[in-house]
Amino acid sequence: MVVGLDHAINEIANKAADILGDDTVIVVSSDNGGSVWFGGMNVPFRSGKLNQFEGGVRVPAFAIDLSKDKRYLGKEGRQFRNMMHISDWLPTFLAWSNSTHLLKNIEMDGLDQSKVI
């Protein structure tokens, strides 16, 4: 799956820009660590999938800001070294789109990370 994504990410980004336009952010993230029982490698982290050690929960990810003025993620080539959970993406996307009112009366586990990323 990752090899296929590697080959297709440029086409995905170009199609997203064409279809969705300037207000687009693409986020690519693994769901959890690699399965060490089937050749997954999470070095330098301990363990992997189905485990609470870093190898099971800490994963690589990247985001692409397709806006011309880079208003969502700022200057390209930066690294975000803080912790962020997958559940943080929804409140972050809603903040970027000025739609946080959609979370009214809804209890969310995620936190808006738009100001720190």
Protein backbone atom coordinates (compact mmCIF):
# COMPACT_ATOMS: atom_id res chain seq x y z
CA MET A 1 0.00 0.00 0.00
CA VAL A 2 2.76 2.45 0.89
CA VAL A 3 4.68 1.73 -2.32
CA GLY A 4 1.49 2.41 -4.29
CA LEU A 5 1.00 5.66 -2.42
CA ASP A 6 4.61 6.67 -3.10
CA HIS A 7 4.00 6.26 -6.81
CA ALA A 8 0.63 8.01 -6.80
CA ILE A 9 0.97 10.91 -4.34
CA ASN A 10 1.85 13.48 -7.00
CA GLU A 11 -1.17 12.48 -9.09
CA ILE A 12 -3.38 12.54 -5.97
CA ALA A 13 -2.17 16.05 -5.09
CA ASN A 14 -2.65 17.33 -8.65
CA LYS A 15 -6.19 15.88 -8.91
CA ALA A 16 -7.11 17.25 -5.48
CA ALA A 17 -5.93 20.72 -6.51
CA ASP A 18 -7.88 20.50 -9.79
CA ILE A 19 -11.09 19.19 -8.23
CA LEU A 20 -11.09 20.69 -4.73
CA GLY A 21 -9.17 23.88 -5.43
CA ASP A 22 -6.98 26.13 -3.37
CA ASP A 23 -8.53 25.35 0.04
CA THR A 24 -7.11 21.85 0.25
CA VAL A 25 -4.82 20.11 2.73
CA ILE A 26 -3.82 16.50 2.15
CA VAL A 27 -2.81 14.47 5.21
CA VAL A 28 -1.12 11.08 4.85
CA SER A 29 -0.65 9.07 8.03
CA SER A 30 -0.32 5.46 9.02
CA ASP A 31 -3.00 3.99 11.26
CA ASN A 32 -0.48 2.59 13.76
CA GLY A 33 2.94 0.94 13.91
CA GLY A 34 4.05 -1.82 11.59
CA SER A 35 3.28 -5.44 12.38
CA VAL A 36 6.54 -6.89 13.70
CA TRP A 37 5.15 -10.41 13.18
CA PHE A 38 5.01 -9.87 9.43
CA GLY A 39 8.22 -7.95 8.80
CA GLY A 40 7.17 -4.51 10.05
CA MET A 41 10.08 -2.41 11.25
CA ASN A 42 9.48 0.34 13.82
CA VAL A 43 13.11 0.98 14.77
CA PRO A 44 14.18 2.86 16.86
CA PHE A 45 10.87 2.40 18.71
CA ARG A 46 9.94 -0.61 20.80
CA SER A 47 7.31 -3.10 19.58
CA GLY A 48 4.61 -2.46 16.99
CA LYS A 49 0.98 -2.88 15.99
CA LEU A 50 -1.50 -3.77 18.77
CA ASN A 51 0.89 -2.50 21.44
CA GLN A 52 1.02 0.66 23.56
CA PHE A 53 4.79 1.09 23.23
CA GLU A 54 5.98 3.83 20.86
CA GLY A 55 6.42 1.37 17.99
CA GLY A 56 2.68 0.70 18.09
CA VAL A 57 1.39 4.24 18.35
CA ARG A 58 4.02 6.61 16.96
CA VAL A 59 3.91 6.75 13.18
CA PRO A 60 5.26 8.92 10.38
CA ALA A 61 2.91 11.30 8.63
CA PHE A 62 3.02 14.26 6.29
CA ALA A 63 0.66 16.99 5.16
CA ILE A 64 0.58 19.03 1.98
CA ASP A 65 -0.95 22.52 1.92
CA LEU A 66 -2.20 23.15 -1.62
CA SER A 67 -3.21 26.77 -0.96
CA LYS A 68 -1.18 29.26 -2.98
CA ASP A 69 -0.39 31.42 0.07
CA LYS A 70 0.30 28.39 2.35
CA ARG A 71 -2.25 29.73 4.84
CA TYR A 72 -2.84 26.42 6.62
CA LEU A 73 0.59 24.91 7.20
CA GLY A 74 2.91 27.81 6.49
CA LYS A 75 6.26 27.54 4.78
CA GLU A 76 7.03 24.17 3.17
CA GLY A 77 9.72 21.82 4.44
CA ARG A 78 9.04 22.32 8.14
CA GLN A 79 8.85 19.48 10.66
CA PHE A 80 6.29 19.24 13.44
CA ARG A 81 7.98 17.41 16.29
CA ASN A 82 5.19 17.58 18.87
CA MET A 83 2.68 14.87 19.63
CA MET A 84 -0.60 14.84 17.74
CA HIS A 85 -3.29 12.19 17.74
CA ILE A 86 -5.33 11.17 14.70
CA SER A 87 -8.45 12.41 16.51
CA ASP A 88 -6.98 15.94 16.47
CA TRP A 89 -7.40 16.26 12.71
CA LEU A 90 -11.19 16.78 12.67
CA PRO A 91 -11.20 19.75 15.08
CA THR A 92 -8.16 21.15 13.25
CA PHE A 93 -9.84 20.93 9.83
CA LEU A 94 -13.00 22.50 11.25
CA ALA A 95 -10.96 25.38 12.71
CA TRP A 96 -9.25 25.98 9.35
CA SER A 97 -12.64 26.09 7.64
CA ASN A 98 -14.20 28.37 10.29
CA SER A 99 -16.70 25.61 11.08
CA THR A 100 -16.07 24.92 14.76
CA HIS A 101 -19.76 25.62 15.38
CA LEU A 102 -20.38 22.10 14.02
CA LEU A 103 -18.81 20.73 17.23
CA LYS A 104 -21.29 22.50 19.49
CA ASN A 105 -22.85 20.01 21.93
CA ILE A 106 -20.56 17.24 20.67
CA GLU A 107 -17.94 15.79 22.97
CA MET A 108 -14.71 15.26 21.03
CA ASP A 109 -11.51 13.51 22.08
CA GLY A 110 -9.41 15.52 19.62
CA LEU A 111 -8.04 19.01 20.09
CA ASP A 112 -7.65 21.78 17.52
CA GLN A 113 -3.95 21.90 16.59
CA SER A 114 -4.23 24.62 13.92
CA LYS A 115 -2.29 27.22 15.90
CA VAL A 116 0.69 24.96 16.61
CA ILE A 117 1.13 23.32 13.22
